[in-house]
Amino acid sequence: MSGELSAAIGRAARRDGLTGGAWVRRLLLERLDLQSADDARSGRPVRIPEAHQAAVAAALRELAEAGSAVRARDEAEAAHRLQAARTHLIPLALGQAEP
């Protein structure tokens, strides 16, 4: 595999929050319309819905901002950012759609 291809896979994988190998595996399974026996037994979805990916990404951004607020000793902003992260994560944890 060329360095250029490897780097492109790495960038795409990072955007999706995966390792390069997991990203390639997912791509191949999707393109070939296959599901591995392990995935079928686990019951876990092979691909996280885009709305869930967006919710997790939004929660991570809020948590990063909360960390910045804590370092700045801004308790009100930190509390606000933590609550904002919760509004993204709790519905996912309960199996509900993003609010």
N, C-alpha and C. Protein backbone atom coordinates (compact mmCIF):
# COMPACT_ATOMS: atom_id res chain seq x y z
N MET A 1 0.86 -1.17 0.00
CA MET A 1 0.00 0.00 0.00
C MET A 1 0.90 1.23 0.00
N SER A 2 0.57 2.19 -0.83
CA SER A 2 1.39 3.40 -0.92
C SER A 2 1.21 4.26 0.33
N GLY A 3 2.18 5.08 0.59
CA GLY A 3 2.08 6.00 1.72
C GLY A 3 0.92 6.95 1.58
N GLU A 4 0.66 7.38 0.34
CA GLU A 4 -0.45 8.30 0.08
C GLU A 4 -1.80 7.63 0.40
N LEU A 5 -1.96 6.37 -0.02
CA LEU A 5 -3.20 5.65 0.26
C LEU A 5 -3.35 5.41 1.76
N SER A 6 -2.27 5.02 2.41
CA SER A 6 -2.30 4.78 3.85
C SER A 6 -2.69 6.05 4.60
N ALA A 7 -2.14 7.18 4.20
CA ALA A 7 -2.46 8.46 4.84
C ALA A 7 -3.92 8.83 4.62
N ALA A 8 -4.43 8.59 3.41
CA ALA A 8 -5.83 8.90 3.11
C ALA A 8 -6.77 8.03 3.94
N ILE A 9 -6.43 6.76 4.09
CA ILE A 9 -7.24 5.86 4.93
C ILE A 9 -7.20 6.35 6.37
N GLY A 10 -6.03 6.72 6.85
CA GLY A 10 -5.90 7.23 8.22
C GLY A 10 -6.75 8.46 8.46
N ARG A 11 -6.75 9.39 7.51
CA ARG A 11 -7.56 10.61 7.66
C ARG A 11 -9.06 10.28 7.68
N ALA A 12 -9.48 9.43 6.77
CA ALA A 12 -10.90 9.05 6.71
C ALA A 12 -11.30 8.31 7.98
N ALA A 13 -10.45 7.43 8.45
CA ALA A 13 -10.74 6.67 9.67
C ALA A 13 -10.87 7.60 10.87
N ARG A 14 -9.97 8.55 11.00
CA ARG A 14 -10.03 9.50 12.13
C ARG A 14 -11.32 10.31 12.09
N ARG A 15 -11.75 10.72 10.90
CA ARG A 15 -13.00 11.47 10.79
C ARG A 15 -14.19 10.65 11.30
N ASP A 16 -14.12 9.34 11.11
CA ASP A 16 -15.19 8.45 11.55
C ASP A 16 -14.95 7.88 12.94
N GLY A 17 -13.84 8.26 13.57
CA GLY A 17 -13.54 7.78 14.92
C GLY A 17 -13.13 6.32 14.96
N LEU A 18 -12.48 5.84 13.91
CA LEU A 18 -12.08 4.44 13.82
C LEU A 18 -10.59 4.32 13.57
N THR A 19 -10.08 3.11 13.76
CA THR A 19 -8.71 2.83 13.33
C THR A 19 -8.75 2.62 11.82
N GLY A 20 -7.59 2.68 11.20
CA GLY A 20 -7.53 2.45 9.76
C GLY A 20 -8.06 1.08 9.37
N GLY A 21 -7.66 0.05 10.13
CA GLY A 21 -8.11 -1.30 9.83
C GLY A 21 -9.62 -1.46 9.97
N ALA A 22 -10.18 -0.87 11.04
CA ALA A 22 -11.63 -0.95 11.24
C ALA A 22 -12.37 -0.21 10.14
N TRP A 23 -11.81 0.91 9.69
CA TRP A 23 -12.46 1.69 8.63
C TRP A 23 -12.48 0.89 7.32
N VAL A 24 -11.35 0.27 6.98
CA VAL A 24 -11.28 -0.53 5.75
C VAL A 24 -12.23 -1.73 5.86
N ARG A 25 -12.25 -2.38 7.01
CA ARG A 25 -13.14 -3.53 7.22
C ARG A 25 -14.59 -3.11 7.02
N ARG A 26 -14.98 -2.00 7.64
CA ARG A 26 -16.36 -1.53 7.51
C ARG A 26 -16.69 -1.22 6.06
N LEU A 27 -15.77 -0.55 5.38
CA LEU A 27 -16.00 -0.22 3.97
C LEU A 27 -16.20 -1.47 3.13
N LEU A 28 -15.35 -2.46 3.34
CA LEU A 28 -15.48 -3.70 2.57
C LEU A 28 -16.79 -4.42 2.88
N LEU A 29 -17.15 -4.52 4.15
CA LEU A 29 -18.40 -5.19 4.51
C LEU A 29 -19.60 -4.47 3.90
N GLU A 30 -19.57 -3.13 3.91
CA GLU A 30 -20.68 -2.37 3.32
C GLU A 30 -20.73 -2.58 1.81
N ARG A 31 -19.59 -2.48 1.16
CA ARG A 31 -19.55 -2.59 -0.30
C ARG A 31 -19.94 -3.98 -0.77
N LEU A 32 -19.56 -4.99 0.00
CA LEU A 32 -19.86 -6.37 -0.38
C LEU A 32 -21.19 -6.84 0.20
N ASP A 33 -21.85 -5.96 0.97
CA ASP A 33 -23.12 -6.27 1.62
C ASP A 33 -23.02 -7.55 2.44
N LEU A 34 -22.00 -7.59 3.29
CA LEU A 34 -21.76 -8.75 4.15
C LEU A 34 -21.82 -8.34 5.61
N GLN A 35 -22.03 -9.35 6.46
CA GLN A 35 -21.92 -9.15 7.90
C GLN A 35 -21.14 -10.34 8.43
N SER A 36 -20.12 -10.06 9.22
CA SER A 36 -19.32 -11.16 9.75
C SER A 36 -20.13 -11.95 10.77
N ALA A 37 -19.74 -13.20 10.98
CA ALA A 37 -20.43 -14.04 11.97
C ALA A 37 -20.31 -13.43 13.36
N ASP A 38 -19.13 -12.86 13.69
CA ASP A 38 -18.95 -12.23 15.00
C ASP A 38 -19.89 -11.05 15.18
N ASP A 39 -20.02 -10.22 14.14
CA ASP A 39 -20.93 -9.07 14.22
C ASP A 39 -22.38 -9.54 14.37
N ALA A 40 -22.75 -10.56 13.64
CA ALA A 40 -24.12 -11.08 13.72
C ALA A 40 -24.41 -11.61 15.12
N ARG A 41 -23.46 -12.35 15.71
CA ARG A 41 -23.66 -12.89 17.06
C ARG A 41 -23.72 -11.79 18.11
N SER A 42 -22.95 -10.74 17.93
CA SER A 42 -22.88 -9.68 18.95
C SER A 42 -24.17 -8.87 19.01
N GLY A 43 -24.87 -8.78 17.89
CA GLY A 43 -26.08 -7.97 17.86
C GLY A 43 -25.80 -6.48 17.76
N ARG A 44 -24.53 -6.11 17.77
CA ARG A 44 -24.17 -4.69 17.66
C ARG A 44 -24.28 -4.26 16.21
N PRO A 45 -24.70 -3.04 15.99
CA PRO A 45 -24.73 -2.57 14.60
C PRO A 45 -23.32 -2.44 14.05
N VAL A 46 -23.14 -2.80 12.80
CA VAL A 46 -21.83 -2.69 12.17
C VAL A 46 -21.50 -1.22 11.96
N ARG A 47 -22.51 -0.44 11.68
CA ARG A 47 -22.31 0.99 11.42
C ARG A 47 -23.20 1.79 12.35
N ILE A 48 -22.62 2.78 12.99
CA ILE A 48 -23.38 3.67 13.85
C ILE A 48 -24.10 4.67 12.96
N PRO A 49 -25.40 4.86 13.17
CA PRO A 49 -26.13 5.83 12.34
C PRO A 49 -25.48 7.22 12.41
N GLU A 50 -25.56 7.93 11.30
CA GLU A 50 -24.92 9.26 11.24
C GLU A 50 -25.44 10.20 12.31
N ALA A 51 -26.73 10.12 12.63
CA ALA A 51 -27.29 10.99 13.68
C ALA A 51 -26.64 10.69 15.02
N HIS A 52 -26.35 9.42 15.29
CA HIS A 52 -25.68 9.06 16.55
C HIS A 52 -24.23 9.52 16.55
N GLN A 53 -23.57 9.38 15.40
CA GLN A 53 -22.19 9.88 15.29
C GLN A 53 -22.14 11.38 15.55
N ALA A 54 -23.10 12.09 14.99
CA ALA A 54 -23.15 13.55 15.17
C ALA A 54 -23.40 13.90 16.63
N ALA A 55 -24.28 13.15 17.29
CA ALA A 55 -24.57 13.42 18.70
C ALA A 55 -23.34 13.19 19.57
N VAL A 56 -22.62 12.11 19.32
CA VAL A 56 -21.41 11.83 20.09
C VAL A 56 -20.35 12.90 19.82
N ALA A 57 -20.20 13.30 18.57
CA ALA A 57 -19.23 14.35 18.23
C ALA A 57 -19.59 15.66 18.93
N ALA A 58 -20.88 16.00 18.94
CA ALA A 58 -21.31 17.23 19.61
C ALA A 58 -21.04 17.15 21.10
N ALA A 59 -21.31 16.00 21.70
CA ALA A 59 -21.05 15.83 23.13
C ALA A 59 -19.56 15.96 23.43
N LEU A 60 -18.72 15.39 22.58
CA LEU A 60 -17.27 15.51 22.80
C LEU A 60 -16.80 16.96 22.70
N ARG A 61 -17.38 17.70 21.76
CA ARG A 61 -17.03 19.13 21.66
C ARG A 61 -17.44 19.87 22.93
N GLU A 62 -18.63 19.56 23.44
CA GLU A 62 -19.09 20.20 24.68
C GLU A 62 -18.18 19.83 25.85
N LEU A 63 -17.76 18.57 25.92
CA LEU A 63 -16.87 18.15 27.00
C LEU A 63 -15.51 18.84 26.90
N ALA A 64 -15.02 19.04 25.70
CA ALA A 64 -13.76 19.77 25.52
C ALA A 64 -13.91 21.20 26.01
N GLU A 65 -15.04 21.82 25.69
CA GLU A 65 -15.30 23.19 26.16
C GLU A 65 -15.45 23.22 27.68
N ALA A 66 -16.05 22.18 28.25
CA ALA A 66 -16.18 22.10 29.71
C ALA A 66 -14.80 22.02 30.35
N GLY A 67 -13.90 21.24 29.74
CA GLY A 67 -12.54 21.15 30.25
C GLY A 67 -11.83 22.49 30.21
N SER A 68 -12.04 23.23 29.14
CA SER A 68 -11.44 24.57 29.05
C SER A 68 -12.01 25.49 30.12
N ALA A 69 -13.30 25.39 30.36
CA ALA A 69 -13.93 26.23 31.38
C ALA A 69 -13.41 25.88 32.77
N VAL A 70 -13.21 24.60 33.03
CA VAL A 70 -12.66 24.18 34.33
C VAL A 70 -11.27 24.75 34.52
N ARG A 71 -10.44 24.66 33.47
CA ARG A 71 -9.08 25.21 33.58
C ARG A 71 -9.11 26.72 33.79
N ALA A 72 -10.12 27.38 33.24
CA ALA A 72 -10.26 28.83 33.42
C ALA A 72 -10.98 29.18 34.72
N ARG A 73 -11.35 28.15 35.47
CA ARG A 73 -12.07 28.31 36.75
C ARG A 73 -13.42 29.00 36.57
N ASP A 74 -14.06 28.74 35.44
CA ASP A 74 -15.39 29.28 35.15
C ASP A 74 -16.41 28.17 35.42
N GLU A 75 -16.82 28.06 36.68
CA GLU A 75 -17.70 26.96 37.09
C GLU A 75 -19.05 27.00 36.38
N ALA A 76 -19.61 28.18 36.19
CA ALA A 76 -20.92 28.27 35.54
C ALA A 76 -20.85 27.77 34.10
N GLU A 77 -19.81 28.17 33.38
CA GLU A 77 -19.66 27.72 31.99
C GLU A 77 -19.39 26.22 31.93
N ALA A 78 -18.58 25.72 32.85
CA ALA A 78 -18.29 24.28 32.89
C ALA A 78 -19.58 23.49 33.12
N ALA A 79 -20.40 23.95 34.07
CA ALA A 79 -21.66 23.27 34.35
C ALA A 79 -22.59 23.32 33.14
N HIS A 80 -22.63 24.47 32.48
CA HIS A 80 -23.46 24.62 31.28
C HIS A 80 -23.01 23.64 30.19
N ARG A 81 -21.72 23.55 29.97
CA ARG A 81 -21.19 22.67 28.92
C ARG A 81 -21.42 21.19 29.26
N LEU A 82 -21.29 20.83 30.54
CA LEU A 82 -21.56 19.45 30.93
C LEU A 82 -23.02 19.09 30.71
N GLN A 83 -23.91 20.02 31.04
CA GLN A 83 -25.34 19.78 30.80
C GLN A 83 -25.62 19.65 29.30
N ALA A 84 -24.96 20.46 28.50
CA ALA A 84 -25.15 20.37 27.05
C ALA A 84 -24.69 19.01 26.54
N ALA A 85 -23.58 18.50 27.05
CA ALA A 85 -23.10 17.17 26.64
C ALA A 85 -24.11 16.10 27.03
N ARG A 86 -24.69 16.24 28.21
CA ARG A 86 -25.71 15.27 28.65
C ARG A 86 -26.90 15.24 27.73
N THR A 87 -27.31 16.41 27.21
CA THR A 87 -28.49 16.43 26.34
C THR A 87 -28.24 15.64 25.06
N HIS A 88 -26.99 15.48 24.68
CA HIS A 88 -26.66 14.68 23.50
C HIS A 88 -26.54 13.19 23.84
N LEU A 89 -25.97 12.88 25.01
CA LEU A 89 -25.63 11.50 25.33
C LEU A 89 -26.77 10.70 25.96
N ILE A 90 -27.56 11.32 26.81
CA ILE A 90 -28.59 10.57 27.52
C ILE A 90 -29.59 9.91 26.58
N PRO A 91 -30.12 10.62 25.57
CA PRO A 91 -31.04 9.93 24.67
C PRO A 91 -30.40 8.72 23.97
N LEU A 92 -29.13 8.82 23.63
CA LEU A 92 -28.46 7.68 23.00
C LEU A 92 -28.34 6.51 23.97
N ALA A 93 -27.99 6.82 25.22
CA ALA A 93 -27.86 5.77 26.22
C ALA A 93 -29.19 5.07 26.49
N LEU A 94 -30.28 5.81 26.35
CA LEU A 94 -31.61 5.24 26.58
C LEU A 94 -32.22 4.64 25.32
N GLY A 95 -31.46 4.67 24.23
CA GLY A 95 -31.96 4.10 22.98
C GLY A 95 -33.00 4.96 22.29
N GLN A 96 -32.99 6.24 22.60
CA GLN A 96 -33.95 7.17 21.99
C GLN A 96 -33.25 7.97 20.90
N ALA A 97 -34.05 8.59 20.09
CA ALA A 97 -33.51 9.47 19.05
C ALA A 97 -32.92 10.71 19.69
N GLU A 98 -32.01 11.32 18.98
CA GLU A 98 -31.39 12.59 19.43
C GLU A 98 -32.48 13.65 19.53
N PRO A 99 -32.47 14.44 20.63
CA PRO A 99 -33.51 15.49 20.79
C PRO A 99 -33.42 16.55 19.71
